[in-house]
């Protein structure tokens, strides 16, 4: 796995960024990363404008698009930073209890995608476990969403949360196919307790089977939280993934 296959979700190191934004980017670059995935990025534009000084780019970002979003401002800022895909990080569980709720989310994402296209950008969606755990006539909620998305809307599948939600993750990824352009790769004990997440390779999840099921997807390292040091976990995750599954 090369550096072009890897990114890191900056939410993982949010506390470090709050203490020293520029210094944290420098550390991430020092680990060997060339790509990052910001979150709520319009709140950090001044800091993110310095990505290039650290040899970093941001091909993807998380940003709320569905509720009360100023889409033109978001997409203009993304264009300025060289971001290509803006990903909705979460539409909460109440919207995933029936097909009508899922269709409404798809409609919002499709509308955002039409606006994004005016800026030369794409829109995507990132899942947690609640889009996975409910069954709709043999489909997971995320698959129902995909069926109602415009062709240009992409998915970033969080493999950890898909596993927690009860999915056969490789099977899910294969069914979603080319729409999956990125994976969140994380590890832990497979529970909803964020503190039990650990560096990739140090937990119990079969992360390589997930990666192998979407070989062309960008692999984005993320921890929602951990009992250990999060920057160390980012460093160790990269080392594990770049060493390869046979290491």
Protein backbone atom coordinates (compact mmCIF):
# COMPACT_ATOMS: atom_id res chain seq x y z
CA UNK A 1 0.00 0.00 0.00
CA UNK A 2 1.42 3.36 -1.02
CA UNK A 3 0.92 6.82 0.44
CA UNK A 4 -1.41 7.61 -2.47
CA UNK A 5 -3.76 4.91 -1.17
CA UNK A 6 -3.84 6.35 2.35
CA UNK A 7 -5.34 9.33 4.11
CA UNK A 8 -6.26 10.17 7.70
CA UNK A 9 -9.48 11.68 9.01
CA UNK A 10 -8.43 14.74 11.01
CA UNK A 11 -11.33 14.27 13.43
CA UNK A 12 -9.11 11.59 14.96
CA UNK A 13 -6.65 14.25 16.14
CA UNK A 14 -9.15 17.05 16.79
CA UNK A 15 -7.85 17.74 20.30
CA UNK A 16 -4.28 18.03 19.07
CA UNK A 17 -5.42 20.34 16.29
CA UNK A 18 -7.16 22.58 18.80
CA UNK A 19 -3.92 22.85 20.77
CA UNK A 20 -1.55 23.28 17.82
CA UNK A 21 -3.10 23.06 14.37
CA UNK A 22 0.04 23.63 12.33
CA UNK A 23 2.22 21.47 14.56
CA UNK A 24 -0.23 18.58 14.33
CA UNK A 25 -0.22 18.75 10.53
CA UNK A 26 3.57 18.71 10.67
CA UNK A 27 3.51 15.56 12.80
CA UNK A 28 1.08 13.82 10.46
CA UNK A 29 3.26 14.67 7.48
CA UNK A 30 6.25 13.42 9.46
CA UNK A 31 4.57 10.03 9.78
CA UNK A 32 4.62 9.84 5.97
CA UNK A 33 1.09 10.90 5.09
CA UNK A 34 0.56 12.99 1.98
CA UNK A 35 -3.25 13.17 2.25
CA UNK A 36 -5.71 14.11 4.98
CA UNK A 37 -9.49 14.26 5.30
CA UNK A 38 -10.67 17.37 7.17
CA UNK A 39 -13.96 17.62 9.07
CA UNK A 40 -16.20 20.64 9.44
CA UNK A 41 -13.56 22.19 7.26
CA UNK A 42 -15.04 25.65 6.82
CA UNK A 43 -14.28 26.26 10.51
CA UNK A 44 -10.54 25.71 9.89
CA UNK A 45 -9.88 27.37 6.57
CA UNK A 46 -6.92 29.44 7.73
CA UNK A 47 -5.15 26.35 9.07
CA UNK A 48 -6.06 24.20 6.10
CA UNK A 49 -4.68 26.75 3.67
CA UNK A 50 -1.26 25.68 4.98
CA UNK A 51 -1.67 22.02 3.97
CA UNK A 52 0.63 22.48 1.01
CA UNK A 53 3.41 23.80 3.23
CA UNK A 54 3.48 20.33 4.82
CA UNK A 55 3.25 18.43 1.53
CA UNK A 56 -0.37 17.50 2.27
CA UNK A 57 -3.49 17.54 0.13
CA UNK A 58 -7.13 16.88 0.99
CA UNK A 59 -8.90 14.92 -1.75
CA UNK A 60 -11.95 14.42 0.48
CA UNK A 61 -13.56 16.22 3.40
CA UNK A 62 -16.45 15.75 5.80
CA UNK A 63 -18.99 18.55 5.95
CA UNK A 64 -22.69 18.64 6.75
CA UNK A 65 -24.68 19.08 3.54
CA UNK A 66 -28.19 17.95 4.38
CA UNK A 67 -29.33 20.29 7.18
CA UNK A 68 -29.15 24.10 6.93
CA UNK A 69 -25.99 24.09 4.81
CA UNK A 70 -24.75 27.03 2.75
CA UNK A 71 -23.82 24.84 -0.18
CA UNK A 72 -22.35 27.56 -2.38
CA UNK A 73 -20.02 28.70 0.41
CA UNK A 74 -19.02 25.12 1.23
CA UNK A 75 -18.24 24.19 -2.36
CA UNK A 76 -16.41 27.43 -3.04
CA UNK A 77 -14.17 26.81 -0.02
CA UNK A 78 -13.62 23.18 -1.08
CA UNK A 79 -12.57 24.33 -4.54
CA UNK A 80 -10.12 26.82 -3.03
CA UNK A 81 -8.46 24.03 -1.03
CA UNK A 82 -8.33 21.60 -3.94
CA UNK A 83 -10.82 19.21 -2.34
CA UNK A 84 -12.65 17.08 -4.89
CA UNK A 85 -15.33 15.29 -2.84
CA UNK A 86 -17.40 16.70 0.03
CA UNK A 87 -18.89 13.94 2.18
CA UNK A 88 -21.91 14.19 4.47
CA UNK A 89 -20.63 12.68 7.74
CA UNK A 90 -23.94 11.57 9.29
CA UNK A 91 -27.68 11.69 8.91
CA UNK A 92 -28.94 10.49 12.27
CA UNK A 93 -30.74 7.25 13.06
CA UNK A 94 -34.37 8.51 13.02
CA UNK A 95 -34.06 9.07 9.26
CA UNK A 96 -33.14 5.42 8.70
CA UNK A 97 -36.19 3.71 10.15
CA UNK A 98 -38.20 3.56 6.92
CA UNK A 99 -37.71 3.82 3.20
CA UNK A 100 -39.36 7.25 2.99
CA UNK A 101 -36.80 8.67 5.42
CA UNK A 102 -33.96 7.17 3.41
CA UNK A 103 -35.40 8.54 0.16
CA UNK A 104 -35.55 12.01 1.72
CA UNK A 105 -31.83 11.80 2.53
CA UNK A 106 -31.11 10.64 -1.02
CA UNK A 107 -33.09 13.59 -2.40
CA UNK A 108 -31.05 16.02 -0.26
CA UNK A 109 -27.76 14.48 -1.36
CA UNK A 110 -28.82 14.51 -5.01
CA UNK A 111 -29.69 18.20 -4.77
CA UNK A 112 -26.33 18.91 -3.12
CA UNK A 113 -24.58 16.94 -5.85
CA UNK A 114 -26.21 19.05 -8.55
CA UNK A 115 -24.94 22.19 -6.83
CA UNK A 116 -21.49 20.63 -6.32
CA UNK A 117 -21.24 19.85 -10.02
CA UNK A 118 -21.45 23.58 -10.74
CA UNK A 119 -18.13 23.85 -8.87
CA UNK A 120 -16.61 20.75 -10.48
CA UNK A 121 -17.02 18.76 -7.23
CA UNK A 122 -18.65 15.55 -6.07
CA UNK A 123 -20.78 14.73 -3.04
CA UNK A 124 -20.66 11.57 -0.93
CA UNK A 125 -22.12 9.94 2.17
CA UNK A 126 -20.37 8.33 5.16
CA UNK A 127 -22.14 5.74 7.31
CA UNK A 128 -22.28 4.74 10.95
CA UNK A 129 -23.96 1.58 12.25
CA UNK A 130 -27.56 2.78 12.16
CA UNK A 131 -27.63 2.82 8.33
CA UNK A 132 -26.64 -0.83 8.41
CA UNK A 133 -28.48 -2.56 11.24
CA UNK A 134 -32.05 -2.43 9.91
CA UNK A 135 -33.15 -4.86 7.19
CA UNK A 136 -35.34 -3.71 4.31
CA UNK A 137 -36.42 -6.82 2.41
CA UNK A 138 -32.87 -8.17 2.34
CA UNK A 139 -31.12 -4.84 1.89
CA UNK A 140 -29.27 -2.71 4.39
CA UNK A 141 -30.34 0.90 4.73
CA UNK A 142 -27.16 2.05 3.03
CA UNK A 143 -28.04 -0.08 0.01
CA UNK A 144 -31.53 1.42 -0.10
CA UNK A 145 -29.88 4.84 -0.08
CA UNK A 146 -27.59 3.84 -2.95
CA UNK A 147 -30.57 2.72 -5.00
CA UNK A 148 -32.04 6.23 -4.77
CA UNK A 149 -28.87 8.25 -5.27
CA UNK A 150 -28.00 9.97 -8.51
CA UNK A 151 -25.18 8.10 -10.29
CA UNK A 152 -22.63 10.81 -9.47
CA UNK A 153 -23.12 10.61 -5.68
CA UNK A 154 -20.44 8.43 -4.08
CA UNK A 155 -20.06 6.54 -0.82
CA UNK A 156 -17.36 6.42 1.81
CA UNK A 157 -18.03 3.20 3.70
CA UNK A 158 -16.94 3.16 7.32
CA UNK A 159 -15.97 -0.49 7.50
CA UNK A 160 -15.85 -0.56 11.30
CA UNK A 161 -19.35 0.79 11.77
CA UNK A 162 -20.67 -1.41 8.97
CA UNK A 163 -19.27 -4.39 10.89
CA UNK A 164 -20.81 -3.15 14.14
CA UNK A 165 -24.14 -2.79 12.34
CA UNK A 166 -24.06 -6.49 11.48
CA UNK A 167 -23.07 -6.41 7.82
CA UNK A 168 -21.01 -8.92 5.93
CA UNK A 169 -18.72 -6.04 5.07
CA UNK A 170 -16.93 -7.56 2.03
CA UNK A 171 -20.30 -8.60 0.60
CA UNK A 172 -21.75 -5.15 1.22
CA UNK A 173 -18.79 -3.48 -0.48
CA UNK A 174 -19.03 -5.77 -3.47
CA UNK A 175 -22.76 -5.06 -3.85
CA UNK A 176 -22.20 -1.30 -3.65
CA UNK A 177 -19.45 -1.62 -6.24
CA UNK A 178 -17.80 1.37 -7.88
CA UNK A 179 -19.93 3.85 -5.94
CA UNK A 180 -17.56 3.22 -3.01
CA UNK A 181 -14.65 5.59 -3.55
CA UNK A 182 -13.26 5.60 -0.01
CA UNK A 183 -13.18 3.45 3.11
CA UNK A 184 -12.82 4.43 6.72
CA UNK A 185 -10.40 1.89 8.08
CA UNK A 186 -10.41 1.52 11.84
CA UNK A 187 -10.01 -1.24 14.39
CA UNK A 188 -11.09 -2.09 17.90
CA UNK A 189 -13.31 -4.56 19.72
CA UNK A 190 -16.26 -4.24 17.34
CA UNK A 191 -18.49 -2.41 19.83
CA UNK A 192 -20.08 1.04 19.84
CA UNK A 193 -17.71 2.13 22.63
CA UNK A 194 -15.43 4.62 20.89
CA UNK A 195 -12.85 4.33 23.65
CA UNK A 196 -12.26 0.70 22.64
CA UNK A 197 -10.94 1.70 19.23
CA UNK A 198 -7.24 1.10 18.65
CA UNK A 199 -4.62 1.44 15.94
CA UNK A 200 -5.41 -0.52 12.79
CA UNK A 201 -3.96 -4.00 13.21
CA UNK A 202 -4.19 -3.95 17.00
CA UNK A 203 -7.89 -4.86 17.24
CA UNK A 204 -10.11 -7.78 16.31
CA UNK A 205 -11.53 -6.72 12.94
CA UNK A 206 -10.50 -8.45 9.67
CA UNK A 207 -9.46 -5.17 8.10
CA UNK A 208 -7.65 -6.74 5.14
CA UNK A 209 -10.77 -8.58 3.99
CA UNK A 210 -12.55 -5.22 3.93
CA UNK A 211 -9.76 -3.52 2.01
CA UNK A 212 -9.52 -6.37 -0.49
CA UNK A 213 -13.25 -6.04 -1.25
CA UNK A 214 -12.79 -2.43 -2.47
CA UNK A 215 -9.24 -2.44 -3.81
CA UNK A 216 -9.47 0.90 -5.63
CA UNK A 217 -10.96 2.89 -2.75
CA UNK A 218 -8.98 5.48 -0.82
CA UNK A 219 -8.16 4.08 2.65
CA UNK A 220 -8.82 6.71 5.32
CA UNK A 221 -7.52 5.89 8.79
CA UNK A 222 -9.81 7.04 11.58
CA UNK A 223 -10.39 6.57 15.28
CA UNK A 224 -13.46 8.19 16.82
CA UNK A 225 -11.64 7.99 20.16
CA UNK A 226 -9.32 5.66 22.06
CA UNK A 227 -7.94 4.97 25.51
CA UNK A 228 -4.46 5.44 24.02
CA UNK A 229 -2.69 8.34 22.37
CA UNK A 230 -4.45 9.16 19.12
CA UNK A 231 -1.45 10.49 17.24
CA UNK A 232 0.48 7.34 18.13
CA UNK A 233 -2.47 5.29 16.86
CA UNK A 234 -2.44 7.18 13.56
CA UNK A 235 1.30 6.56 13.19
CA UNK A 236 0.97 2.87 14.05
CA UNK A 237 -2.02 2.41 11.74
CA UNK A 238 -0.08 3.77 8.81
CA UNK A 239 2.91 1.56 9.61
CA UNK A 240 0.66 -1.51 9.74
CA UNK A 241 -1.11 -0.76 6.48
CA UNK A 242 1.96 0.20 4.50
CA UNK A 243 3.74 -2.97 5.65
CA UNK A 244 1.01 -5.03 3.93
CA UNK A 245 -1.21 -7.88 5.03
CA UNK A 246 1.57 -10.49 4.72
CA UNK A 247 4.00 -8.59 6.95
